[in-house]
């Protein structure tokens, strides 16, 4: 967490939490959801305004974490802004490393990064009933970005990543996260 955020928490410790105003979609994009968007329907049916400003996206990414109940939040100065998640708290991007040996077919190993740029090491691979690929990693659980599912399929086919199956509805409880912190745990 940024030092300025930590200082704001000390200075204003009792600022009320915020729900419904920030969301993360299945492609790793942040969305701001004002009152109008929230009234128009739930996320992701009504997404809101995508956050395109690079510095704001980086600030959100640096100041996100989960609480003890598995609810993810962005600490915006003294205010905790809980995240609504479309699928998972992380969205993984995969990159094939040429000439690195086995691990993703014949051409090389895979490098895994979160939507925030953090590197991760794959521990297990999960498939839901819709055919979406999820990775459990050393930094947490997340969905493989749709543009990278072919790379994940290659790693699964070569048995570099053994595959497990689980219905999506069971994933949040199994991996300790909440899709919508505004709802009871």
C-alpha atoms as a PDB file:
ATOM      1  CA  UNK A   1       0.000   0.000   0.000  1.00  0.00           C
ATOM      2  CA  UNK A   2       1.214   3.519  -0.769  1.00  0.00           C
ATOM      3  CA  UNK A   3       2.636   5.509   2.175  1.00  0.00           C
ATOM      4  CA  UNK A   4       0.176   8.341   1.523  1.00  0.00           C
ATOM      5  CA  UNK A   5      -2.713   5.860   1.869  1.00  0.00           C
ATOM      6  CA  UNK A   6      -1.312   4.494   5.141  1.00  0.00           C
ATOM      7  CA  UNK A   7      -0.979   8.051   6.491  1.00  0.00           C
ATOM      8  CA  UNK A   8      -4.588   8.847   5.551  1.00  0.00           C
ATOM      9  CA  UNK A   9      -5.775   5.752   7.423  1.00  0.00           C
ATOM     10  CA  UNK A  10      -4.030   6.955  10.575  1.00  0.00           C
ATOM     11  CA  UNK A  11      -5.329  10.496  10.215  1.00  0.00           C
ATOM     12  CA  UNK A  12      -8.970   9.508   9.451  1.00  0.00           C
ATOM     13  CA  UNK A  13      -9.550   6.012  10.894  1.00  0.00           C
ATOM     14  CA  UNK A  14     -13.366   5.992  10.884  1.00  0.00           C
ATOM     15  CA  UNK A  15     -14.348   6.830   7.306  1.00  0.00           C
ATOM     16  CA  UNK A  16     -17.323   4.653   6.222  1.00  0.00           C
ATOM     17  CA  UNK A  17     -16.717   1.862   3.727  1.00  0.00           C
ATOM     18  CA  UNK A  18     -18.043   2.115   0.179  1.00  0.00           C
ATOM     19  CA  UNK A  19     -19.773  -0.672  -1.803  1.00  0.00           C
ATOM     20  CA  UNK A  20     -20.777  -0.951  -5.449  1.00  0.00           C
ATOM     21  CA  UNK A  21     -18.652   1.885  -6.848  1.00  0.00           C
ATOM     22  CA  UNK A  22     -15.701  -0.078  -8.241  1.00  0.00           C
ATOM     23  CA  UNK A  23     -15.710  -3.358 -10.154  1.00  0.00           C
ATOM     24  CA  UNK A  24     -13.273  -5.684 -11.915  1.00  0.00           C
ATOM     25  CA  UNK A  25     -14.453  -7.510 -15.027  1.00  0.00           C
ATOM     26  CA  UNK A  26     -13.304 -10.844 -16.451  1.00  0.00           C
ATOM     27  CA  UNK A  27     -10.793  -9.124 -18.747  1.00  0.00           C
ATOM     28  CA  UNK A  28      -8.991  -7.250 -15.963  1.00  0.00           C
ATOM     29  CA  UNK A  29     -10.589  -3.847 -16.540  1.00  0.00           C
ATOM     30  CA  UNK A  30     -11.664  -1.610 -13.653  1.00  0.00           C
ATOM     31  CA  UNK A  31     -15.069   0.068 -13.834  1.00  0.00           C
ATOM     32  CA  UNK A  32     -16.392   3.041 -11.891  1.00  0.00           C
ATOM     33  CA  UNK A  33     -20.097   2.602 -11.120  1.00  0.00           C
ATOM     34  CA  UNK A  34     -21.896   5.761 -10.027  1.00  0.00           C
ATOM     35  CA  UNK A  35     -25.422   5.883  -8.554  1.00  0.00           C
ATOM     36  CA  UNK A  36     -27.003   5.849 -12.034  1.00  0.00           C
ATOM     37  CA  UNK A  37     -25.102   2.686 -13.064  1.00  0.00           C
ATOM     38  CA  UNK A  38     -25.860   0.930  -9.811  1.00  0.00           C
ATOM     39  CA  UNK A  39     -29.577   1.758 -10.149  1.00  0.00           C
ATOM     40  CA  UNK A  40     -29.629   0.510 -13.760  1.00  0.00           C
ATOM     41  CA  UNK A  41     -28.598  -3.034 -12.798  1.00  0.00           C
ATOM     42  CA  UNK A  42     -25.975  -5.318 -11.308  1.00  0.00           C
ATOM     43  CA  UNK A  43     -22.413  -5.721 -12.507  1.00  0.00           C
ATOM     44  CA  UNK A  44     -21.476  -6.975 -15.107  1.00  0.00           C
ATOM     45  CA  UNK A  45     -24.818  -6.516 -16.896  1.00  0.00           C
ATOM     46  CA  UNK A  46     -24.362  -2.774 -16.332  1.00  0.00           C
ATOM     47  CA  UNK A  47     -20.639  -2.113 -16.190  1.00  0.00           C
ATOM     48  CA  UNK A  48     -20.253   1.633 -15.797  1.00  0.00           C
ATOM     49  CA  UNK A  49     -17.268   3.679 -16.972  1.00  0.00           C
ATOM     50  CA  UNK A  50     -14.019   1.884 -17.697  1.00  0.00           C
ATOM     51  CA  UNK A  51     -10.987   3.344 -15.911  1.00  0.00           C
ATOM     52  CA  UNK A  52      -8.564   4.266 -18.697  1.00  0.00           C
ATOM     53  CA  UNK A  53      -6.221   6.658 -16.893  1.00  0.00           C
ATOM     54  CA  UNK A  54      -2.936   4.759 -16.472  1.00  0.00           C
ATOM     55  CA  UNK A  55      -1.913   6.423 -13.192  1.00  0.00           C
ATOM     56  CA  UNK A  56      -5.340   5.786 -11.633  1.00  0.00           C
ATOM     57  CA  UNK A  57      -5.275   2.115 -12.704  1.00  0.00           C
ATOM     58  CA  UNK A  58      -1.780   1.774 -11.215  1.00  0.00           C
ATOM     59  CA  UNK A  59      -2.885   3.479  -7.972  1.00  0.00           C
ATOM     60  CA  UNK A  60      -5.875   1.124  -7.658  1.00  0.00           C
ATOM     61  CA  UNK A  61      -3.675  -1.904  -8.359  1.00  0.00           C
ATOM     62  CA  UNK A  62      -1.088  -0.935  -5.730  1.00  0.00           C
ATOM     63  CA  UNK A  63      -3.707  -0.372  -3.059  1.00  0.00           C
ATOM     64  CA  UNK A  64      -5.929  -3.450  -3.432  1.00  0.00           C
ATOM     65  CA  UNK A  65      -6.057  -6.372  -1.053  1.00  0.00           C
ATOM     66  CA  UNK A  66      -8.535  -8.722   0.597  1.00  0.00           C
ATOM     67  CA  UNK A  67      -9.966  -8.609   4.103  1.00  0.00           C
ATOM     68  CA  UNK A  68     -10.352 -11.637   6.392  1.00  0.00           C
ATOM     69  CA  UNK A  69     -13.750 -12.533   4.843  1.00  0.00           C
ATOM     70  CA  UNK A  70     -12.298 -12.714   1.304  1.00  0.00           C
ATOM     71  CA  UNK A  71     -13.782  -9.381   0.226  1.00  0.00           C
ATOM     72  CA  UNK A  72     -11.399  -7.466  -2.032  1.00  0.00           C
ATOM     73  CA  UNK A  73     -11.103  -3.727  -1.648  1.00  0.00           C
ATOM     74  CA  UNK A  74      -9.241  -0.672  -2.880  1.00  0.00           C
ATOM     75  CA  UNK A  75      -7.957   1.505  -0.057  1.00  0.00           C
ATOM     76  CA  UNK A  76      -8.588   5.019  -1.388  1.00  0.00           C
ATOM     77  CA  UNK A  77      -6.898   7.135   1.250  1.00  0.00           C
ATOM     78  CA  UNK A  78      -8.954   6.653   4.402  1.00  0.00           C
ATOM     79  CA  UNK A  79     -11.907   5.071   2.561  1.00  0.00           C
ATOM     80  CA  UNK A  80     -12.165   1.342   1.852  1.00  0.00           C
ATOM     81  CA  UNK A  81     -13.875   0.834  -1.510  1.00  0.00           C
ATOM     82  CA  UNK A  82     -15.043  -2.770  -1.831  1.00  0.00           C
ATOM     83  CA  UNK A  83     -14.725  -4.381  -5.260  1.00  0.00           C
ATOM     84  CA  UNK A  84     -17.425  -6.208  -7.148  1.00  0.00           C
ATOM     85  CA  UNK A  85     -15.765  -9.036  -9.077  1.00  0.00           C
ATOM     86  CA  UNK A  86     -17.144 -10.553 -12.256  1.00  0.00           C
ATOM     87  CA  UNK A  87     -15.191 -13.804 -11.903  1.00  0.00           C
ATOM     88  CA  UNK A  88     -12.168 -13.624  -9.597  1.00  0.00           C
ATOM     89  CA  UNK A  89      -9.782 -11.160  -7.906  1.00  0.00           C
ATOM     90  CA  UNK A  90      -7.019 -11.758 -10.460  1.00  0.00           C
ATOM     91  CA  UNK A  91      -7.086 -11.892 -14.246  1.00  0.00           C
ATOM     92  CA  UNK A  92      -4.049 -13.703 -15.638  1.00  0.00           C
ATOM     93  CA  UNK A  93      -2.119 -12.805 -18.769  1.00  0.00           C
ATOM     94  CA  UNK A  94       0.134 -15.507 -20.221  1.00  0.00           C
ATOM     95  CA  UNK A  95       3.257 -14.975 -22.269  1.00  0.00           C
ATOM     96  CA  UNK A  96       5.184 -17.694 -24.062  1.00  0.00           C
ATOM     97  CA  UNK A  97       8.922 -17.579 -23.462  1.00  0.00           C
ATOM     98  CA  UNK A  98      10.673 -18.733 -26.634  1.00  0.00           C
ATOM     99  CA  UNK A  99      13.361 -21.350 -26.188  1.00  0.00           C
ATOM    100  CA  UNK A 100      12.745 -21.822 -22.461  1.00  0.00           C
ATOM    101  CA  UNK A 101      12.112 -25.572 -22.711  1.00  0.00           C
ATOM    102  CA  UNK A 102       9.017 -27.565 -21.834  1.00  0.00           C
ATOM    103  CA  UNK A 103       5.953 -26.097 -20.207  1.00  0.00           C
ATOM    104  CA  UNK A 104       3.771 -24.697 -22.956  1.00  0.00           C
ATOM    105  CA  UNK A 105       4.032 -26.994 -25.914  1.00  0.00           C
ATOM    106  CA  UNK A 106       7.119 -27.336 -28.025  1.00  0.00           C
ATOM    107  CA  UNK A 107       8.190 -23.696 -28.085  1.00  0.00           C
ATOM    108  CA  UNK A 108       8.796 -22.728 -24.479  1.00  0.00           C
ATOM    109  CA  UNK A 109       7.508 -22.095 -20.970  1.00  0.00           C
ATOM    110  CA  UNK A 110       4.763 -19.722 -19.921  1.00  0.00           C
ATOM    111  CA  UNK A 111       5.186 -16.594 -17.884  1.00  0.00           C
ATOM    112  CA  UNK A 112       2.097 -15.607 -15.866  1.00  0.00           C
ATOM    113  CA  UNK A 113       1.254 -12.023 -14.805  1.00  0.00           C
ATOM    114  CA  UNK A 114      -1.819 -10.563 -13.165  1.00  0.00           C
ATOM    115  CA  UNK A 115      -3.886  -7.773 -14.701  1.00  0.00           C
ATOM    116  CA  UNK A 116      -1.895  -5.488 -12.369  1.00  0.00           C
ATOM    117  CA  UNK A 117       1.470  -6.730 -13.681  1.00  0.00           C
ATOM    118  CA  UNK A 118       2.420  -8.953 -10.731  1.00  0.00           C
ATOM    119  CA  UNK A 119       4.233 -12.176 -11.673  1.00  0.00           C
ATOM    120  CA  UNK A 120       2.767 -15.437 -10.418  1.00  0.00           C
ATOM    121  CA  UNK A 121       3.678 -19.110 -10.263  1.00  0.00           C
ATOM    122  CA  UNK A 122       0.968 -21.601 -11.220  1.00  0.00           C
ATOM    123  CA  UNK A 123       0.065 -24.176  -8.580  1.00  0.00           C
ATOM    124  CA  UNK A 124      -3.124 -25.656 -10.073  1.00  0.00           C
ATOM    125  CA  UNK A 125      -5.412 -25.219 -13.084  1.00  0.00           C
ATOM    126  CA  UNK A 126      -9.203 -25.313 -12.903  1.00  0.00           C
ATOM    127  CA  UNK A 127     -11.901 -25.438 -15.565  1.00  0.00           C
ATOM    128  CA  UNK A 128     -15.504 -24.331 -14.952  1.00  0.00           C
ATOM    129  CA  UNK A 129     -18.671 -25.548 -16.698  1.00  0.00           C
ATOM    130  CA  UNK A 130     -18.457 -22.680 -19.228  1.00  0.00           C
ATOM    131  CA  UNK A 131     -14.964 -23.756 -20.324  1.00  0.00           C
ATOM    132  CA  UNK A 132     -13.208 -20.854 -18.588  1.00  0.00           C
ATOM    133  CA  UNK A 133      -9.687 -21.551 -17.323  1.00  0.00           C
ATOM    134  CA  UNK A 134      -8.709 -20.442 -13.820  1.00  0.00           C
ATOM    135  CA  UNK A 135      -5.279 -20.586 -12.192  1.00  0.00           C
ATOM    136  CA  UNK A 136      -4.492 -20.998  -8.530  1.00  0.00           C
ATOM    137  CA  UNK A 137      -1.106 -19.348  -8.024  1.00  0.00           C
ATOM    138  CA  UNK A 138       1.307 -18.356  -5.302  1.00  0.00           C
ATOM    139  CA  UNK A 139      -0.404 -14.928  -5.073  1.00  0.00           C
ATOM    140  CA  UNK A 140      -3.999 -16.092  -5.409  1.00  0.00           C
ATOM    141  CA  UNK A 141      -6.778 -17.367  -7.627  1.00  0.00           C
ATOM    142  CA  UNK A 142      -7.861 -15.875 -10.925  1.00  0.00           C
ATOM    143  CA  UNK A 143      -9.237 -16.242 -14.417  1.00  0.00           C
ATOM    144  CA  UNK A 144      -7.086 -16.596 -17.530  1.00  0.00           C
ATOM    145  CA  UNK A 145      -7.760 -13.675 -19.898  1.00  0.00           C
ATOM    146  CA  UNK A 146      -9.798 -14.768 -22.918  1.00  0.00           C
ATOM    147  CA  UNK A 147      -6.980 -13.775 -25.299  1.00  0.00           C
ATOM    148  CA  UNK A 148      -4.633 -16.218 -23.554  1.00  0.00           C
ATOM    149  CA  UNK A 149      -6.794 -19.337 -23.302  1.00  0.00           C
ATOM    150  CA  UNK A 150      -5.046 -20.961 -26.299  1.00  0.00           C
ATOM    151  CA  UNK A 151      -1.712 -20.737 -24.455  1.00  0.00           C
ATOM    152  CA  UNK A 152      -3.321 -22.260 -21.356  1.00  0.00           C
ATOM    153  CA  UNK A 153      -4.839 -25.030 -23.499  1.00  0.00           C
ATOM    154  CA  UNK A 154      -1.385 -25.841 -24.888  1.00  0.00           C
ATOM    155  CA  UNK A 155       0.033 -26.151 -21.366  1.00  0.00           C
ATOM    156  CA  UNK A 156      -2.885 -28.383 -20.356  1.00  0.00           C
ATOM    157  CA  UNK A 157      -2.575 -30.590 -23.463  1.00  0.00           C
ATOM    158  CA  UNK A 158       1.151 -31.134 -22.887  1.00  0.00           C
ATOM    159  CA  UNK A 159       0.342 -31.943 -19.236  1.00  0.00           C
ATOM    160  CA  UNK A 160       2.597 -29.137 -18.027  1.00  0.00           C
ATOM    161  CA  UNK A 161      -0.513 -27.955 -16.156  1.00  0.00           C
ATOM    162  CA  UNK A 162      -2.700 -30.792 -14.826  1.00  0.00           C
ATOM    163  CA  UNK A 163      -6.368 -29.865 -15.042  1.00  0.00           C
ATOM    164  CA  UNK A 164      -9.110 -30.022 -12.385  1.00  0.00           C
ATOM    165  CA  UNK A 165     -12.795 -29.240 -12.884  1.00  0.00           C
ATOM    166  CA  UNK A 166     -15.106 -27.324 -10.572  1.00  0.00           C
ATOM    167  CA  UNK A 167     -18.425 -25.506 -11.105  1.00  0.00           C
ATOM    168  CA  UNK A 168     -17.944 -21.744 -11.047  1.00  0.00           C
ATOM    169  CA  UNK A 169     -20.469 -21.297  -8.218  1.00  0.00           C
ATOM    170  CA  UNK A 170     -18.142 -23.295  -5.931  1.00  0.00           C
ATOM    171  CA  UNK A 171     -14.950 -21.414  -6.788  1.00  0.00           C
ATOM    172  CA  UNK A 172     -15.324 -18.322  -4.548  1.00  0.00           C
ATOM    173  CA  UNK A 173     -15.844 -20.417  -1.406  1.00  0.00           C
ATOM    174  CA  UNK A 174     -13.140 -22.932  -2.333  1.00  0.00           C
ATOM    175  CA  UNK A 175     -10.551 -20.232  -3.034  1.00  0.00           C
ATOM    176  CA  UNK A 176     -11.587 -17.758  -0.336  1.00  0.00           C
ATOM    177  CA  UNK A 177     -12.921 -14.718  -2.181  1.00  0.00           C
ATOM    178  CA  UNK A 178     -16.249 -12.923  -2.493  1.00  0.00           C
ATOM    179  CA  UNK A 179     -17.734 -11.714  -5.776  1.00  0.00           C
ATOM    180  CA  UNK A 180     -19.904  -9.045  -4.162  1.00  0.00           C
ATOM    181  CA  UNK A 181     -18.902  -7.845  -0.683  1.00  0.00           C
ATOM    182  CA  UNK A 182     -22.187  -5.922  -0.375  1.00  0.00           C
ATOM    183  CA  UNK A 183     -23.949  -9.277  -0.043  1.00  0.00           C
ATOM    184  CA  UNK A 184     -23.714 -11.277   3.199  1.00  0.00           C
ATOM    185  CA  UNK A 185     -20.748 -13.658   3.433  1.00  0.00           C
END
